[in-house]
Protein backbone atom coordinates (compact mmCIF):
# COMPACT_ATOMS: atom_id res chain seq x y z
CA MET A 1 0.00 0.00 0.00
CA MET A 2 2.75 2.43 0.89
CA ALA A 3 4.70 1.51 -2.23
CA ALA A 4 1.72 2.32 -4.50
CA VAL A 5 1.35 5.77 -2.95
CA ALA A 6 5.01 6.56 -3.44
CA THR A 7 4.82 5.48 -7.08
CA ASN A 8 1.84 7.78 -7.75
CA ARG A 9 3.64 10.75 -6.21
CA LYS A 10 6.70 10.06 -8.35
CA ASN A 11 4.61 9.93 -11.53
CA THR A 12 2.86 13.17 -10.62
CA ASN A 13 6.17 14.96 -10.07
CA LEU A 14 7.52 13.70 -13.42
CA GLN A 15 4.42 14.98 -15.21
CA ALA A 16 4.78 18.44 -13.59
CA VAL A 17 8.45 18.65 -14.66
CA GLU A 18 7.57 17.74 -18.26
CA LYS A 19 4.82 20.44 -18.36
CA ARG A 20 7.26 23.12 -17.15
CA LYS A 21 9.76 22.09 -19.84
CA ARG A 22 7.11 22.32 -22.57
CA ARG A 23 6.06 25.83 -21.40
CA SER A 24 9.62 27.09 -21.38
CA SER A 25 10.28 25.60 -24.83
CA ASP A 26 7.25 27.45 -26.27
CA LYS A 27 8.85 30.90 -25.46
CA PRO A 28 11.69 32.01 -27.78
CA VAL A 29 14.76 32.45 -25.68
CA SER A 30 17.23 34.97 -27.16
CA SER A 31 19.75 37.25 -25.56
CA CYS A 32 19.51 39.55 -28.58
CA ASN A 33 15.78 40.07 -27.95
CA ASN A 34 16.47 41.09 -24.33
CA ASP A 35 19.07 43.65 -25.47
CA SER A 36 16.71 45.24 -28.01
CA SER A 37 13.94 45.67 -25.44
CA THR A 38 16.38 47.32 -23.08
CA ILE A 39 17.58 49.68 -25.86
CA SER A 40 14.02 50.58 -26.78
CA ARG A 41 13.24 51.49 -23.18
CA HIS A 42 16.37 53.67 -22.99
CA SER A 43 15.56 55.41 -26.29
CA ALA A 44 12.02 56.14 -25.17
CA ALA A 45 13.29 57.61 -21.91
CA ARG A 46 15.78 59.76 -23.84
CA LYS A 47 13.06 61.02 -26.16
CA VAL A 48 10.97 62.02 -23.16
CA SER A 49 13.90 63.88 -21.59
CA ILE A 50 14.70 65.59 -24.92
CA GLY A 51 11.06 66.59 -25.26
CA ARG A 52 11.00 68.03 -21.76
CA GLU A 53 14.20 69.95 -22.41
CA TYR A 54 12.75 71.30 -25.66
CA HIS A 55 9.55 72.46 -24.01
CA THR A 56 11.54 74.02 -21.18
CA ARG A 57 13.63 75.96 -23.69
CA CYS A 58 10.48 77.03 -25.52
CA ARG A 59 8.92 78.30 -22.32
CA GLY A 60 12.13 80.15 -21.48
CA SER A 61 12.22 81.67 -24.95
CA LEU A 62 8.57 82.68 -24.65
CA ARG A 63 9.19 84.33 -21.30
CA PHE A 64 12.14 86.22 -22.74
CA LYS A 65 10.06 87.41 -25.69
CA LEU A 66 7.30 88.57 -23.39
CA LEU A 67 9.77 90.46 -21.21
CA VAL A 68 11.29 92.14 -24.26
CA ARG A 69 7.87 93.05 -25.56
CA ALA A 70 6.83 94.47 -22.18
CA SER A 71 9.98 96.55 -21.91
CA VAL A 72 9.50 97.91 -25.42
CA SER A 73 5.89 98.76 -24.69
CA LYS A 74 7.02 100.65 -21.57
CA ARG A 75 9.61 102.60 -23.50
CA LYS A 76 7.24 103.40 -26.35
CA PRO A 77 3.66 103.42 -25.08
CA LYS A 78 0.99 102.91 -27.70
CA PRO A 79 -1.36 105.85 -28.26
CA ARG A 80 -4.61 105.62 -26.40
CA ASP A 81 -7.64 107.84 -26.49
CA CYS A 82 -9.11 109.47 -23.44
CA CYS A 83 -12.81 109.27 -22.73
CA GLY A 84 -13.10 112.95 -23.61
CA ASN A 85 -14.59 113.99 -20.28
CA ASN A 86 -11.55 115.86 -18.98
CA GLU A 87 -10.69 118.65 -21.38
CA GLU A 88 -9.36 120.85 -18.62
CA ILE A 89 -6.74 118.27 -17.64
CA ASN A 90 -5.86 117.70 -21.29
CA ARG A 91 -5.34 121.42 -21.85
CA GLU A 92 -3.31 121.64 -18.65
CA ALA A 93 -1.10 118.76 -19.77
CA SER A 94 -0.48 120.37 -23.16
CA ASN A 95 0.51 123.68 -21.62
CA LEU A 96 2.64 122.17 -18.87
CA PHE A 97 4.66 119.85 -21.05
CA GLY A 98 4.65 121.46 -24.48
CA ARG A 99 3.63 120.09 -27.85
CA SER A 100 6.88 118.23 -28.54
CA LYS A 101 6.70 116.01 -25.48
CA ALA A 102 4.28 113.21 -24.78
CA ALA A 103 0.77 114.59 -24.33
CA LEU A 104 -0.64 112.91 -21.24
CA ARG A 105 -4.33 112.64 -20.52
CA PHE A 106 -6.04 111.88 -17.23
CA ASP A 107 -9.16 109.72 -17.23
CA ARG A 108 -11.03 110.44 -14.00
CA ASP A 109 -13.48 107.58 -14.53
CA ASP A 110 -10.74 104.93 -14.74
CA CYS A 111 -8.19 106.91 -12.66
CA LYS A 112 -5.52 106.44 -15.33
CA ILE A 113 -3.04 108.72 -17.06
CA LEU A 114 -2.97 107.93 -20.77
CA VAL A 115 -0.18 108.65 -23.27
CA GLU A 116 -1.17 110.30 -26.53
CA LYS A 117 2.20 110.29 -28.33
CA ASP A 118 5.31 108.14 -28.27
CA SER A 119 8.18 109.54 -26.25
CA SER A 120 11.32 108.49 -24.46
CA THR A 121 11.06 106.84 -21.08
CA TRP A 122 12.66 109.85 -19.44
CA GLY A 123 10.24 112.27 -21.05
CA VAL A 124 7.17 110.21 -20.17
CA ARG A 125 8.33 109.74 -16.58
CA ASN A 126 8.89 113.46 -16.07
CA CYS A 127 5.62 114.40 -17.74
CA TYR A 128 3.81 111.79 -15.67
CA ASN A 129 5.31 113.09 -12.41
CA ASN A 130 4.51 116.70 -13.28
CA LEU A 131 0.95 115.89 -14.24
CA LYS A 132 0.48 113.73 -11.16
CA ALA A 133 1.66 116.60 -8.95
CA SER A 134 -0.65 119.01 -10.76
CA LEU A 135 -3.62 116.68 -10.31
CA LEU A 136 -2.88 116.24 -6.62
CA ARG A 137 -2.77 120.02 -6.22
CA SER A 138 -6.13 120.38 -7.98
CA ILE A 139 -7.68 117.78 -5.65
CA GLU A 140 -6.15 119.30 -2.50
CA GLU A 141 -6.93 122.93 -3.35
CA PRO A 142 -10.57 122.83 -2.15
CA PHE A 143 -9.34 121.73 1.30
CA ILE A 144 -6.32 123.96 1.94
CA PRO A 145 -6.32 124.80 5.68
CA LEU A 146 -6.70 128.43 6.65
CA LYS A 147 -3.70 130.17 8.16
CA GLU A 148 -3.82 131.73 11.60
CA GLU A 149 -3.93 135.26 10.22
CA GLU A 150 -6.80 134.30 7.89
CA LEU A 151 -8.78 132.82 10.76
CA ALA A 152 -8.15 135.95 12.79
CA GLU A 153 -9.35 138.11 9.90
CA VAL A 154 -12.60 136.14 9.59
CA LYS A 155 -13.17 136.21 13.36
CA THR A 156 -12.76 139.98 13.41
CA ALA A 157 -15.21 140.36 10.51
CA PHE A 158 -17.77 138.24 12.37
CA SER A 159 -17.52 140.31 15.56
CA GLY A 160 -20.48 142.38 16.69
CA ARG A 161 -18.63 145.72 16.50
CA ASN A 162 -18.30 145.29 12.72
CA ARG A 163 -21.97 144.50 12.24
CA MET A 164 -22.76 147.74 10.38
CA LYS A 165 -19.31 148.25 8.89
CA LEU A 166 -18.76 147.96 5.14
CA LEU A 167 -16.19 145.19 4.79
CA VAL A 168 -15.76 144.81 1.02
CA SER A 169 -17.19 146.26 -2.16
CA HIS A 170 -17.06 144.37 -5.45
CA ARG A 171 -16.83 146.88 -8.28
CA ASN A 172 -17.85 144.68 -11.24
CA SER A 173 -21.05 143.42 -9.65
CA ASN A 174 -21.79 146.45 -7.42
CA ILE A 175 -22.22 144.15 -4.44
CA ASP A 176 -21.37 145.52 -1.00
CA ILE A 177 -20.80 143.25 1.98
CA CYS A 178 -21.13 144.60 5.49
CA GLY A 179 -20.52 142.72 8.71
CA GLU A 180 -24.17 141.82 9.20
CA THR A 181 -24.40 140.36 5.67
CA LEU A 182 -21.22 138.32 6.09
CA GLN A 183 -22.47 136.86 9.35
CA CYS A 184 -24.74 134.52 7.38
CA LEU A 185 -21.59 132.40 6.98
CA MET A 186 -21.42 131.82 10.71
CA PRO A 187 -22.56 128.38 11.96
CA THR A 188 -26.31 127.54 11.81
CA ARG A 189 -27.08 130.59 9.60
CA TRP A 190 -28.86 130.59 6.24
CA LEU A 191 -26.90 132.06 3.33
CA ASN A 192 -28.28 135.24 1.74
CA ASP A 193 -28.36 136.39 -1.88
CA GLU A 194 -25.53 138.93 -1.55
CA VAL A 195 -22.99 136.41 -0.26
CA ILE A 196 -24.00 133.75 -2.79
CA ASN A 197 -23.92 136.14 -5.75
CA LEU A 198 -20.58 137.66 -4.76
CA TYR A 199 -19.03 134.22 -4.37
CA LEU A 200 -20.27 133.28 -7.86
CA GLU A 201 -18.67 136.44 -9.22
CA LEU A 202 -15.39 135.40 -7.59
CA LEU A 203 -15.63 131.97 -9.21
CA LYS A 204 -16.07 133.66 -12.58
CA GLU A 205 -12.98 135.80 -11.96
CA ARG A 206 -11.04 132.72 -10.85
CA GLU A 207 -11.77 131.07 -14.17
CA ALA A 208 -10.73 134.22 -16.05
CA ARG A 209 -7.37 134.25 -14.24
CA ASP A 210 -6.58 130.67 -15.19
CA PRO A 211 -9.00 129.49 -17.91
CA GLN A 212 -7.01 126.34 -18.69
CA LYS A 213 -7.46 125.05 -15.16
CA TYR A 214 -11.27 125.22 -15.05
CA PHE A 215 -14.20 124.49 -17.31
CA LYS A 216 -15.66 127.37 -19.25
CA CYS A 217 -18.65 128.16 -17.08
CA HIS A 218 -21.36 130.74 -16.66
CA PHE A 219 -22.74 131.47 -13.21
CA PHE A 220 -26.23 132.96 -13.16
CA ASN A 221 -27.08 134.86 -10.00
CA THR A 222 -29.88 133.97 -7.62
CA PHE A 223 -32.38 136.30 -9.35
CA PHE A 224 -32.15 134.76 -12.84
CA TYR A 225 -34.61 131.92 -12.43
CA ILE A 226 -37.05 134.10 -10.47
CA LYS A 227 -37.06 136.52 -13.38
CA LEU A 228 -37.33 133.74 -15.97
CA VAL A 229 -40.51 132.38 -14.38
CA SER A 230 -41.89 135.63 -12.98
CA GLY A 231 -45.51 135.19 -11.98
CA SER A 232 -45.17 131.37 -12.28
CA CYS A 233 -45.13 131.78 -16.04
CA TYR A 234 -42.13 131.17 -18.32
CA ASN A 235 -40.97 134.46 -19.86
CA TYR A 236 -37.77 134.42 -21.93
CA GLN A 237 -38.06 138.11 -22.85
CA ALA A 238 -37.56 139.03 -19.18
CA VAL A 239 -33.99 137.71 -19.27
CA ARG A 240 -33.11 137.98 -22.96
CA ARG A 241 -30.71 140.89 -22.42
CA TRP A 242 -28.92 139.25 -19.50
CA THR A 243 -26.60 137.29 -21.76
CA THR A 244 -25.56 139.60 -24.58
CA LYS A 245 -21.96 139.22 -25.64
CA ARG A 246 -21.43 142.89 -24.88
CA LYS A 247 -22.29 142.25 -21.21
CA LEU A 248 -20.62 138.88 -20.76
CA GLY A 249 -17.61 139.24 -23.02
CA TYR A 250 -18.34 135.76 -24.40
CA ASP A 251 -21.22 133.81 -25.92
CA LEU A 252 -23.28 131.91 -23.39
CA ILE A 253 -23.83 129.04 -25.82
CA ASP A 254 -20.06 128.46 -25.96
CA CYS A 255 -19.87 127.61 -22.25
CA ASP A 256 -19.32 124.05 -21.10
CA ILE A 257 -21.51 124.32 -18.01
CA ILE A 258 -24.17 126.84 -16.98
CA PHE A 259 -25.08 127.02 -13.29
CA VAL A 260 -28.49 128.24 -12.14
CA PRO A 261 -29.13 128.69 -8.37
CA ILE A 262 -32.71 127.86 -7.40
CA HIS A 263 -34.43 129.13 -4.26
CA GLY A 264 -37.84 127.92 -3.19
CA CYS A 265 -39.60 127.08 0.05
CA LEU A 266 -36.67 128.27 2.18
CA HIS A 267 -34.29 125.86 0.47
CA TRP A 268 -31.40 126.30 -1.99
CA THR A 269 -30.88 123.82 -4.84
CA LEU A 270 -28.86 123.85 -8.05
CA ALA A 271 -29.85 123.36 -11.67
CA VAL A 272 -27.18 122.77 -14.32
CA ILE A 273 -27.22 123.07 -18.10
CA ASN A 274 -24.37 120.69 -18.88
CA LYS A 275 -23.54 121.22 -22.55
CA ARG A 276 -20.45 119.04 -22.34
CA GLU A 277 -22.50 115.96 -21.57
CA CYS A 278 -25.83 117.08 -23.09
CA LYS A 279 -27.64 116.94 -19.76
CA PHE A 280 -30.01 118.96 -17.66
CA GLN A 281 -29.07 118.21 -14.06
CA TYR A 282 -30.70 118.91 -10.72
CA LEU A 283 -28.76 118.74 -7.44
CA ASP A 284 -30.60 118.87 -4.15
CA SER A 285 -28.80 118.24 -0.87
CA LEU A 286 -32.12 116.92 0.52
CA THR A 287 -32.74 114.48 -2.39
CA GLY A 288 -35.59 116.47 -3.88
CA VAL A 289 -36.64 116.61 -7.55
CA ASN A 290 -38.18 119.43 -9.59
CA PRO A 291 -39.11 118.61 -13.22
CA THR A 292 -40.55 122.10 -13.74
CA VAL A 293 -37.16 123.75 -13.27
CA LEU A 294 -35.42 121.53 -15.81
CA ASN A 295 -38.24 121.91 -18.34
CA ASP A 296 -37.98 125.69 -18.01
CA LEU A 297 -34.22 125.58 -18.56
CA ALA A 298 -34.65 123.36 -21.63
CA LYS A 299 -37.00 125.96 -23.11
CA TYR A 300 -34.58 128.71 -22.16
CA LEU A 301 -31.62 127.06 -23.90
CA VAL A 302 -33.62 126.62 -27.12
CA ASP A 303 -34.79 130.25 -27.03
CA GLU A 304 -31.31 131.54 -26.15
CA VAL A 305 -29.62 129.76 -29.06
CA LYS A 306 -32.36 130.91 -31.44
CA ASP A 307 -32.12 134.51 -30.27
CA LYS A 308 -28.31 134.80 -30.23
CA SER A 309 -27.33 132.68 -33.22
CA GLY A 310 -30.51 132.17 -35.22
CA GLN A 311 -30.13 128.40 -34.99
CA ASN A 312 -32.66 125.82 -33.92
CA ILE A 313 -31.39 123.12 -31.60
CA ASP A 314 -33.14 119.95 -30.49
CA VAL A 315 -32.71 119.10 -26.82
CA SER A 316 -35.27 116.29 -26.78
CA SER A 317 -32.41 113.75 -26.79
CA TRP A 318 -30.65 115.37 -23.80
CA ASP A 319 -30.67 113.48 -20.53
CA ILE A 320 -32.62 114.62 -17.49
CA GLU A 321 -30.60 113.73 -14.40
CA TYR A 322 -31.50 114.13 -10.77
CA VAL A 323 -28.06 113.57 -9.32
CA LYS A 324 -28.25 110.97 -6.56
CA ASP A 325 -24.63 110.24 -5.73
CA LEU A 326 -23.83 113.56 -4.06
CA PRO A 327 -23.08 114.85 -0.55
CA ARG A 328 -26.18 115.28 1.63
CA GLN A 329 -26.88 117.83 4.32
CA GLN A 330 -27.70 116.56 7.80
CA ASN A 331 -29.33 119.70 9.16
CA GLY A 332 -31.75 122.44 8.16
CA TYR A 333 -29.42 125.36 7.44
CA ASP A 334 -26.46 124.24 5.24
CA CYS A 335 -28.32 123.93 1.91
CA GLY A 336 -26.83 127.17 0.53
CA MET A 337 -23.30 126.08 1.42
CA PHE A 338 -23.85 122.70 -0.24
CA MET A 339 -25.10 124.45 -3.39
CA LEU A 340 -21.99 126.66 -3.58
CA LYS A 341 -19.69 123.67 -3.16
CA TYR A 342 -21.54 121.74 -5.88
CA ILE A 343 -20.77 124.66 -8.19
CA ASP A 344 -17.17 125.00 -7.00
CA PHE A 345 -16.32 121.32 -7.48
CA TYR A 346 -18.15 120.96 -10.80
CA SER A 347 -16.37 124.01 -12.23
CA ARG A 348 -13.05 122.38 -11.28
CA GLY A 349 -14.04 119.12 -12.94
CA LEU A 350 -13.81 117.30 -9.61
CA ARG A 351 -16.12 114.74 -8.10
CA LEU A 352 -18.23 115.90 -5.18
CA GLN A 353 -15.94 114.44 -2.55
CA PHE A 354 -16.96 116.30 0.58
CA SER A 355 -19.53 115.82 3.33
CA GLN A 356 -21.49 117.52 6.07
CA LYS A 357 -18.46 117.55 8.37
CA ASP A 358 -16.65 119.87 5.89
CA MET A 359 -19.29 122.61 6.11
CA PRO A 360 -17.78 124.53 9.08
CA TYR A 361 -14.48 124.74 7.19
CA PHE A 362 -16.20 125.78 3.93
CA ARG A 363 -18.06 128.56 5.73
CA LEU A 364 -14.81 130.00 7.10
CA ARG A 365 -13.05 129.61 3.78
CA THR A 366 -15.87 131.30 1.85
CA ALA A 367 -15.81 134.21 4.32
CA LYS A 368 -12.05 134.54 3.88
CA GLU A 369 -12.32 134.52 0.07
CA ILE A 370 -15.06 137.16 0.14
CA LEU A 371 -13.06 139.40 2.45
CA ARG A 372 -10.09 139.15 0.08
CA LEU A 373 -12.28 139.21 -3.06
CA ARG A 374 -10.44 136.22 -4.46
CA ALA A 375 -11.63 132.64 -4.78
CA GLN A 376 -9.01 129.91 -4.72
């Protein structure tokens, strides 16, 4: 019994050995075949490394080209057009830097300085720095602190002993300011017609001194709109002679912006004929609206152009804008001061970047400018 089992195991082992031999004989055994497979693996690896090196060099070359292109573009900026909303800055740039240098333009909407002509890096850098300094000055000018002697001068003018004293007399407008009239610029007081009208005259003279720094504006006084709609009825003939070229020294229709102070129900607001942007605008520090005022001014502009130039203009496509994004008053007595600052900032071409907290300073500054008969 034990012998039979051993014999079966021996036969099984012999059969397994023969099967392994047959399987190994079926596969071609060649040292040459092993070498070729090894070579093919090495060649594939080398191709991959060469490809990586090639792509790396290409990326390096591309980076170099981009750097060269960027440096060339910095040395020779391509001409770009401004949005056209900042003629005063464009004129200022031309006069500051001359016609031969790069003409730089400032886009207030995008806060960018744009290059109009090619120029050397040195020239562009110097023009840019000069224009930047000029723009910073124009933004800071409305907030220049008063000096001690100026504050003392205003305080003396506000004192009770000067109440009946004639402080200044403006020859061109025949407006006299005494101490009592000037005291409307003290805190919590309502502004009166004399102070408002004299300040508007000073703004007009400021523009005449430096016309390239400001928009070409016309400042109607506080009695214009009352006369235009006397008796609650539109009457162009009542104001037709207010704007003759002989009186103004210029044509009203050539102005960029026309400011019209509006007084009603113990509240000052501002209406604007904005010819630059083809708009009729209404600015109210208490968020009010008044379609009647803007309709009257639209009629007035049509009649004025017809009377002075004989031309018919169509203002039906002009925008009607009740300006919403503007500084608001937080009390019941600063509306006149807000109106004057709307005019001041708009005539400079600046955004209305002030607030209620600036009103005490603006009152003192306006008093100082009236006493010296010079708006800054």
